[in-house]
N, C-alpha and C. Protein backbone atom coordinates (compact mmCIF):
# COMPACT_ATOMS: atom_id res chain seq x y z
N MET A 1 0.83 -1.18 0.00
CA MET A 1 0.00 0.00 0.00
C MET A 1 0.88 1.24 0.00
N ASN A 2 0.39 2.25 -0.68
CA ASN A 2 1.10 3.52 -0.65
C ASN A 2 0.09 4.65 -0.49
N SER A 3 0.58 5.83 -0.23
CA SER A 3 -0.31 6.96 0.05
C SER A 3 -1.10 7.39 -1.17
N ASN A 4 -0.67 7.01 -2.36
CA ASN A 4 -1.36 7.42 -3.58
C ASN A 4 -2.63 6.63 -3.85
N ASP A 5 -2.82 5.52 -3.15
CA ASP A 5 -4.02 4.72 -3.41
C ASP A 5 -5.01 4.78 -2.25
N ARG A 6 -4.81 5.70 -1.33
CA ARG A 6 -5.70 5.79 -0.16
C ARG A 6 -7.14 6.11 -0.55
N LEU A 7 -7.33 7.06 -1.47
CA LEU A 7 -8.68 7.42 -1.88
C LEU A 7 -9.38 6.22 -2.53
N LEU A 8 -8.66 5.51 -3.38
CA LEU A 8 -9.26 4.34 -4.03
C LEU A 8 -9.65 3.29 -2.99
N ARG A 9 -8.78 3.01 -2.06
CA ARG A 9 -9.08 2.00 -1.03
C ARG A 9 -10.28 2.43 -0.17
N LEU A 10 -10.31 3.70 0.19
CA LEU A 10 -11.44 4.21 0.98
C LEU A 10 -12.74 4.10 0.19
N ALA A 11 -12.72 4.49 -1.07
CA ALA A 11 -13.93 4.43 -1.90
C ALA A 11 -14.39 2.99 -2.08
N LEU A 12 -13.47 2.06 -2.27
CA LEU A 12 -13.83 0.64 -2.40
C LEU A 12 -14.48 0.14 -1.12
N ARG A 13 -13.93 0.54 0.02
CA ARG A 13 -14.49 0.09 1.31
C ARG A 13 -15.85 0.73 1.58
N CYS A 14 -16.01 1.98 1.21
CA CYS A 14 -17.34 2.62 1.34
C CYS A 14 -18.35 1.93 0.45
N ASN A 15 -17.96 1.61 -0.77
CA ASN A 15 -18.82 0.90 -1.71
C ASN A 15 -19.19 -0.46 -1.12
N ALA A 16 -18.21 -1.16 -0.55
CA ALA A 16 -18.47 -2.48 0.05
C ALA A 16 -19.45 -2.37 1.21
N THR A 17 -19.27 -1.35 2.04
CA THR A 17 -20.17 -1.15 3.18
C THR A 17 -21.58 -0.86 2.71
N PHE A 18 -21.71 0.03 1.74
CA PHE A 18 -23.03 0.37 1.22
C PHE A 18 -23.69 -0.85 0.57
N SER A 19 -22.92 -1.61 -0.20
CA SER A 19 -23.45 -2.82 -0.85
C SER A 19 -23.92 -3.82 0.20
N THR A 20 -23.16 -3.96 1.28
CA THR A 20 -23.54 -4.89 2.36
C THR A 20 -24.82 -4.42 3.04
N LEU A 21 -24.92 -3.13 3.30
CA LEU A 21 -26.14 -2.60 3.93
C LEU A 21 -27.37 -2.81 3.03
N CYS A 22 -27.19 -2.60 1.73
CA CYS A 22 -28.30 -2.84 0.80
C CYS A 22 -28.67 -4.31 0.76
N ALA A 23 -27.66 -5.18 0.80
CA ALA A 23 -27.93 -6.62 0.81
C ALA A 23 -28.71 -7.02 2.06
N LEU A 24 -28.30 -6.48 3.20
CA LEU A 24 -29.01 -6.78 4.45
C LEU A 24 -30.44 -6.26 4.41
N ALA A 25 -30.63 -5.07 3.88
CA ALA A 25 -31.98 -4.51 3.78
C ALA A 25 -32.85 -5.38 2.88
N ALA A 26 -32.28 -5.85 1.78
CA ALA A 26 -33.03 -6.71 0.86
C ALA A 26 -33.41 -8.03 1.51
N LEU A 27 -32.50 -8.58 2.32
CA LEU A 27 -32.79 -9.86 2.99
C LEU A 27 -33.79 -9.69 4.13
N VAL A 28 -33.57 -8.69 4.95
CA VAL A 28 -34.43 -8.48 6.11
C VAL A 28 -35.81 -7.98 5.67
N GLY A 29 -35.83 -7.08 4.70
CA GLY A 29 -37.10 -6.51 4.24
C GLY A 29 -37.99 -7.50 3.52
N GLY A 30 -37.37 -8.44 2.80
CA GLY A 30 -38.10 -9.50 2.13
C GLY A 30 -39.28 -9.06 1.30
N SER A 31 -40.36 -9.82 1.40
CA SER A 31 -41.53 -9.57 0.57
C SER A 31 -42.22 -8.26 0.93
N ARG A 32 -42.11 -7.85 2.18
CA ARG A 32 -42.73 -6.57 2.57
C ARG A 32 -42.05 -5.41 1.86
N LEU A 33 -40.71 -5.45 1.81
CA LEU A 33 -39.96 -4.41 1.11
C LEU A 33 -40.26 -4.46 -0.38
N ALA A 34 -40.33 -5.67 -0.94
CA ALA A 34 -40.63 -5.82 -2.37
C ALA A 34 -41.99 -5.19 -2.70
N THR A 35 -42.97 -5.40 -1.85
CA THR A 35 -44.29 -4.82 -2.07
C THR A 35 -44.23 -3.29 -1.97
N THR A 36 -43.52 -2.78 -0.99
CA THR A 36 -43.40 -1.33 -0.81
C THR A 36 -42.73 -0.68 -2.02
N LEU A 37 -41.72 -1.37 -2.57
CA LEU A 37 -40.99 -0.82 -3.71
C LEU A 37 -41.69 -1.07 -5.04
N GLY A 38 -42.63 -2.01 -5.06
CA GLY A 38 -43.33 -2.33 -6.29
C GLY A 38 -42.64 -3.41 -7.11
N ILE A 39 -41.88 -4.26 -6.45
CA ILE A 39 -41.18 -5.35 -7.13
C ILE A 39 -42.09 -6.57 -7.10
N PRO A 40 -42.57 -7.02 -8.27
CA PRO A 40 -43.56 -8.10 -8.30
C PRO A 40 -42.99 -9.50 -8.00
N ASP A 41 -41.72 -9.72 -8.30
CA ASP A 41 -41.12 -11.05 -8.13
C ASP A 41 -40.52 -11.17 -6.72
N PRO A 42 -41.08 -12.05 -5.88
CA PRO A 42 -40.59 -12.16 -4.50
C PRO A 42 -39.17 -12.72 -4.39
N THR A 43 -38.66 -13.32 -5.45
CA THR A 43 -37.30 -13.86 -5.40
C THR A 43 -36.25 -12.82 -5.79
N PHE A 44 -36.68 -11.68 -6.31
CA PHE A 44 -35.73 -10.68 -6.79
C PHE A 44 -34.80 -10.17 -5.69
N LEU A 45 -35.37 -9.75 -4.56
CA LEU A 45 -34.55 -9.15 -3.50
C LEU A 45 -33.57 -10.14 -2.88
N PRO A 46 -33.96 -11.39 -2.59
CA PRO A 46 -32.95 -12.32 -2.06
C PRO A 46 -31.82 -12.59 -3.06
N VAL A 47 -32.14 -12.70 -4.33
CA VAL A 47 -31.10 -12.91 -5.34
C VAL A 47 -30.20 -11.67 -5.43
N LEU A 48 -30.80 -10.51 -5.40
CA LEU A 48 -30.04 -9.26 -5.40
C LEU A 48 -29.12 -9.21 -4.18
N ALA A 49 -29.64 -9.60 -3.03
CA ALA A 49 -28.86 -9.56 -1.79
C ALA A 49 -27.62 -10.44 -1.89
N VAL A 50 -27.77 -11.63 -2.42
CA VAL A 50 -26.63 -12.54 -2.56
C VAL A 50 -25.59 -11.93 -3.50
N ASN A 51 -26.05 -11.39 -4.61
CA ASN A 51 -25.12 -10.77 -5.56
C ASN A 51 -24.41 -9.55 -4.97
N LEU A 52 -25.14 -8.75 -4.23
CA LEU A 52 -24.52 -7.58 -3.58
C LEU A 52 -23.49 -8.02 -2.53
N ALA A 53 -23.80 -9.09 -1.80
CA ALA A 53 -22.86 -9.58 -0.79
C ALA A 53 -21.58 -10.10 -1.44
N VAL A 54 -21.71 -10.79 -2.55
CA VAL A 54 -20.53 -11.28 -3.28
C VAL A 54 -19.72 -10.10 -3.80
N PHE A 55 -20.40 -9.12 -4.36
CA PHE A 55 -19.73 -7.91 -4.86
C PHE A 55 -19.00 -7.20 -3.72
N ALA A 56 -19.66 -7.07 -2.57
CA ALA A 56 -19.04 -6.41 -1.42
C ALA A 56 -17.79 -7.17 -0.97
N GLY A 57 -17.88 -8.49 -0.96
CA GLY A 57 -16.72 -9.29 -0.59
C GLY A 57 -15.56 -9.07 -1.54
N PHE A 58 -15.86 -8.99 -2.83
CA PHE A 58 -14.82 -8.72 -3.83
C PHE A 58 -14.19 -7.36 -3.59
N LEU A 59 -15.02 -6.36 -3.28
CA LEU A 59 -14.50 -5.01 -3.04
C LEU A 59 -13.57 -4.98 -1.83
N VAL A 60 -13.95 -5.67 -0.77
CA VAL A 60 -13.09 -5.74 0.41
C VAL A 60 -11.78 -6.43 0.05
N TRP A 61 -11.88 -7.56 -0.64
CA TRP A 61 -10.67 -8.28 -1.06
C TRP A 61 -9.77 -7.36 -1.88
N LEU A 62 -10.36 -6.67 -2.86
CA LEU A 62 -9.57 -5.80 -3.73
C LEU A 62 -8.92 -4.68 -2.94
N SER A 63 -9.64 -4.12 -1.99
CA SER A 63 -9.10 -2.99 -1.22
C SER A 63 -7.97 -3.40 -0.28
N THR A 64 -7.80 -4.69 -0.06
CA THR A 64 -6.75 -5.15 0.86
C THR A 64 -5.51 -5.68 0.13
N ARG A 65 -5.53 -5.66 -1.19
CA ARG A 65 -4.35 -6.12 -1.94
C ARG A 65 -3.19 -5.15 -1.73
N ASP A 66 -1.97 -5.69 -1.77
CA ASP A 66 -0.79 -4.81 -1.67
C ASP A 66 -0.79 -3.79 -2.80
N ARG A 67 -1.15 -4.27 -3.98
CA ARG A 67 -1.22 -3.41 -5.17
C ARG A 67 -2.56 -3.68 -5.84
N ILE A 68 -3.33 -2.64 -6.07
CA ILE A 68 -4.62 -2.79 -6.75
C ILE A 68 -4.38 -2.68 -8.24
N ALA A 69 -4.73 -3.73 -8.96
CA ALA A 69 -4.59 -3.71 -10.41
C ALA A 69 -5.57 -2.69 -10.98
N PRO A 70 -5.06 -1.72 -11.75
CA PRO A 70 -5.96 -0.71 -12.31
C PRO A 70 -7.11 -1.30 -13.12
N ALA A 71 -6.86 -2.37 -13.83
CA ALA A 71 -7.93 -2.97 -14.64
C ALA A 71 -9.09 -3.44 -13.75
N LEU A 72 -8.78 -3.99 -12.59
CA LEU A 72 -9.84 -4.41 -11.67
C LEU A 72 -10.58 -3.20 -11.11
N GLY A 73 -9.82 -2.15 -10.79
CA GLY A 73 -10.46 -0.93 -10.29
C GLY A 73 -11.39 -0.32 -11.31
N TRP A 74 -10.93 -0.25 -12.56
CA TRP A 74 -11.79 0.31 -13.62
C TRP A 74 -12.98 -0.61 -13.89
N GLY A 75 -12.80 -1.91 -13.69
CA GLY A 75 -13.92 -2.84 -13.82
C GLY A 75 -15.01 -2.56 -12.79
N VAL A 76 -14.60 -2.23 -11.58
CA VAL A 76 -15.56 -1.87 -10.52
C VAL A 76 -16.27 -0.57 -10.90
N VAL A 77 -15.53 0.41 -11.39
CA VAL A 77 -16.14 1.67 -11.81
C VAL A 77 -17.17 1.39 -12.91
N ALA A 78 -16.81 0.55 -13.87
CA ALA A 78 -17.73 0.22 -14.96
C ALA A 78 -18.99 -0.48 -14.43
N ALA A 79 -18.81 -1.40 -13.49
CA ALA A 79 -19.97 -2.10 -12.91
C ALA A 79 -20.89 -1.11 -12.20
N ASP A 80 -20.29 -0.18 -11.47
CA ASP A 80 -21.10 0.83 -10.77
C ASP A 80 -21.84 1.72 -11.76
N LEU A 81 -21.16 2.13 -12.82
CA LEU A 81 -21.83 2.97 -13.82
C LEU A 81 -22.94 2.20 -14.54
N PHE A 82 -22.73 0.91 -14.75
CA PHE A 82 -23.76 0.06 -15.34
C PHE A 82 -25.01 0.05 -14.44
N TRP A 83 -24.78 -0.04 -13.13
CA TRP A 83 -25.90 -0.01 -12.17
C TRP A 83 -26.66 1.31 -12.29
N VAL A 84 -25.90 2.42 -12.31
CA VAL A 84 -26.53 3.74 -12.39
C VAL A 84 -27.33 3.86 -13.68
N LEU A 85 -26.73 3.47 -14.79
CA LEU A 85 -27.44 3.56 -16.08
C LEU A 85 -28.64 2.62 -16.12
N GLY A 86 -28.53 1.47 -15.48
CA GLY A 86 -29.65 0.53 -15.43
C GLY A 86 -30.83 1.02 -14.62
N THR A 87 -30.57 1.98 -13.77
CA THR A 87 -31.64 2.57 -12.96
C THR A 87 -32.58 3.41 -13.82
N VAL A 88 -32.05 4.02 -14.87
CA VAL A 88 -32.86 4.91 -15.71
C VAL A 88 -34.05 4.17 -16.32
N PRO A 89 -33.84 3.05 -17.04
CA PRO A 89 -35.01 2.36 -17.58
C PRO A 89 -35.91 1.77 -16.50
N ALA A 90 -35.33 1.36 -15.39
CA ALA A 90 -36.16 0.79 -14.31
C ALA A 90 -37.13 1.84 -13.77
N VAL A 91 -36.66 3.07 -13.63
CA VAL A 91 -37.52 4.14 -13.12
C VAL A 91 -38.44 4.66 -14.24
N SER A 92 -37.90 4.77 -15.44
CA SER A 92 -38.68 5.29 -16.58
C SER A 92 -39.81 4.37 -17.00
N ALA A 93 -39.66 3.09 -16.77
CA ALA A 93 -40.68 2.12 -17.19
C ALA A 93 -41.93 2.17 -16.32
N ASP A 94 -41.88 2.93 -15.25
CA ASP A 94 -43.03 3.08 -14.35
C ASP A 94 -43.48 1.73 -13.79
N LEU A 95 -42.51 0.87 -13.48
CA LEU A 95 -42.82 -0.44 -12.91
C LEU A 95 -42.86 -0.41 -11.39
N LEU A 96 -42.11 0.49 -10.81
CA LEU A 96 -42.01 0.56 -9.35
C LEU A 96 -43.02 1.55 -8.80
N THR A 97 -43.24 1.46 -7.50
CA THR A 97 -44.07 2.46 -6.83
C THR A 97 -43.27 3.76 -6.75
N SER A 98 -43.91 4.82 -6.33
CA SER A 98 -43.17 6.09 -6.17
C SER A 98 -42.07 5.93 -5.12
N THR A 99 -42.34 5.15 -4.10
CA THR A 99 -41.31 4.87 -3.09
C THR A 99 -40.17 4.08 -3.72
N GLY A 100 -40.51 3.13 -4.57
CA GLY A 100 -39.49 2.34 -5.27
C GLY A 100 -38.65 3.20 -6.19
N ASP A 101 -39.30 4.12 -6.89
CA ASP A 101 -38.55 5.04 -7.76
C ASP A 101 -37.57 5.88 -6.95
N ARG A 102 -38.05 6.44 -5.84
CA ARG A 102 -37.18 7.27 -5.01
C ARG A 102 -36.03 6.45 -4.43
N ALA A 103 -36.30 5.24 -4.00
CA ALA A 103 -35.25 4.38 -3.46
C ALA A 103 -34.22 4.04 -4.53
N ALA A 104 -34.70 3.70 -5.73
CA ALA A 104 -33.78 3.36 -6.82
C ALA A 104 -32.89 4.54 -7.18
N ILE A 105 -33.47 5.74 -7.21
CA ILE A 105 -32.70 6.94 -7.53
C ILE A 105 -31.68 7.23 -6.43
N ALA A 106 -32.08 7.07 -5.16
CA ALA A 106 -31.16 7.32 -4.05
C ALA A 106 -29.99 6.33 -4.09
N VAL A 107 -30.28 5.06 -4.32
CA VAL A 107 -29.22 4.05 -4.40
C VAL A 107 -28.29 4.38 -5.57
N ALA A 108 -28.87 4.73 -6.72
CA ALA A 108 -28.06 5.06 -7.89
C ALA A 108 -27.16 6.27 -7.62
N ALA A 109 -27.66 7.23 -6.85
CA ALA A 109 -26.84 8.40 -6.52
C ALA A 109 -25.63 8.00 -5.68
N PHE A 110 -25.83 7.13 -4.71
CA PHE A 110 -24.69 6.65 -3.91
C PHE A 110 -23.73 5.83 -4.75
N VAL A 111 -24.26 4.95 -5.58
CA VAL A 111 -23.40 4.13 -6.44
C VAL A 111 -22.60 5.02 -7.39
N GLY A 112 -23.25 6.06 -7.91
CA GLY A 112 -22.54 7.01 -8.76
C GLY A 112 -21.44 7.74 -8.00
N LEU A 113 -21.70 8.07 -6.74
CA LEU A 113 -20.68 8.70 -5.91
C LEU A 113 -19.48 7.78 -5.73
N TRP A 114 -19.74 6.51 -5.43
CA TRP A 114 -18.62 5.55 -5.26
C TRP A 114 -17.85 5.43 -6.57
N ALA A 115 -18.55 5.37 -7.69
CA ALA A 115 -17.87 5.27 -8.99
C ALA A 115 -16.97 6.48 -9.22
N ALA A 116 -17.47 7.66 -8.92
CA ALA A 116 -16.67 8.88 -9.12
C ALA A 116 -15.45 8.90 -8.22
N LEU A 117 -15.63 8.54 -6.95
CA LEU A 117 -14.50 8.53 -6.02
C LEU A 117 -13.46 7.46 -6.40
N GLN A 118 -13.95 6.32 -6.85
CA GLN A 118 -13.03 5.26 -7.28
C GLN A 118 -12.25 5.70 -8.52
N ALA A 119 -12.93 6.35 -9.46
CA ALA A 119 -12.25 6.85 -10.66
C ALA A 119 -11.21 7.90 -10.28
N MET A 120 -11.55 8.79 -9.36
CA MET A 120 -10.58 9.78 -8.89
C MET A 120 -9.38 9.10 -8.25
N GLY A 121 -9.64 8.09 -7.44
CA GLY A 121 -8.56 7.35 -6.80
C GLY A 121 -7.67 6.64 -7.80
N LEU A 122 -8.29 6.07 -8.83
CA LEU A 122 -7.50 5.40 -9.88
C LEU A 122 -6.64 6.40 -10.65
N ARG A 123 -7.21 7.56 -10.95
CA ARG A 123 -6.42 8.59 -11.65
C ARG A 123 -5.26 9.08 -10.79
N ARG A 124 -5.51 9.28 -9.51
CA ARG A 124 -4.42 9.69 -8.60
C ARG A 124 -3.33 8.64 -8.55
N MET A 125 -3.77 7.39 -8.48
CA MET A 125 -2.82 6.29 -8.40
C MET A 125 -1.96 6.22 -9.65
N SER A 126 -2.60 6.37 -10.82
CA SER A 126 -1.83 6.27 -12.06
C SER A 126 -0.96 7.50 -12.28
N ALA A 127 -1.37 8.65 -11.80
CA ALA A 127 -0.58 9.87 -11.94
C ALA A 127 0.69 9.80 -11.09
N ALA A 128 0.62 9.01 -10.03
CA ALA A 128 1.76 8.91 -9.11
C ALA A 128 2.80 7.90 -9.55
N VAL A 129 2.49 7.12 -10.60
CA VAL A 129 3.44 6.11 -11.07
C VAL A 129 4.55 6.82 -11.84
N PRO A 130 5.80 6.64 -11.41
CA PRO A 130 6.90 7.31 -12.10
C PRO A 130 7.10 6.74 -13.50
N ALA A 131 7.47 7.61 -14.43
CA ALA A 131 7.72 7.18 -15.80
C ALA A 131 8.97 6.33 -15.85
N ALA A 132 8.95 5.29 -16.68
CA ALA A 132 10.09 4.37 -16.77
C ALA A 132 11.17 4.92 -17.66
């Protein structure tokens, strides 16, 4: 670890924490949360929770490496941006309740924040690499 990758490591850990909290909310909230959000498939939230937990585990693992491979970091940024972009049709399709729309937008805003901070951290990290 070096001082040039601190922002990236912090952003990855914040992303992991947020993903874990969302996974827990999806598991604990279950069918009641699905109804509140307007999600018709009762299996959606548990499947989402498992995927978010796996993603969070990967983020923690990545943040603890001696050296973070930039390609993996940019892959995380891309995955986060994919989530944010995927929120647009989900909200635009008018499938969710108004509470579901607001929740989806709030989650996308946080995911976008993590993506931006991770990208900033990656740029700082690459700017600090001395030319050969």
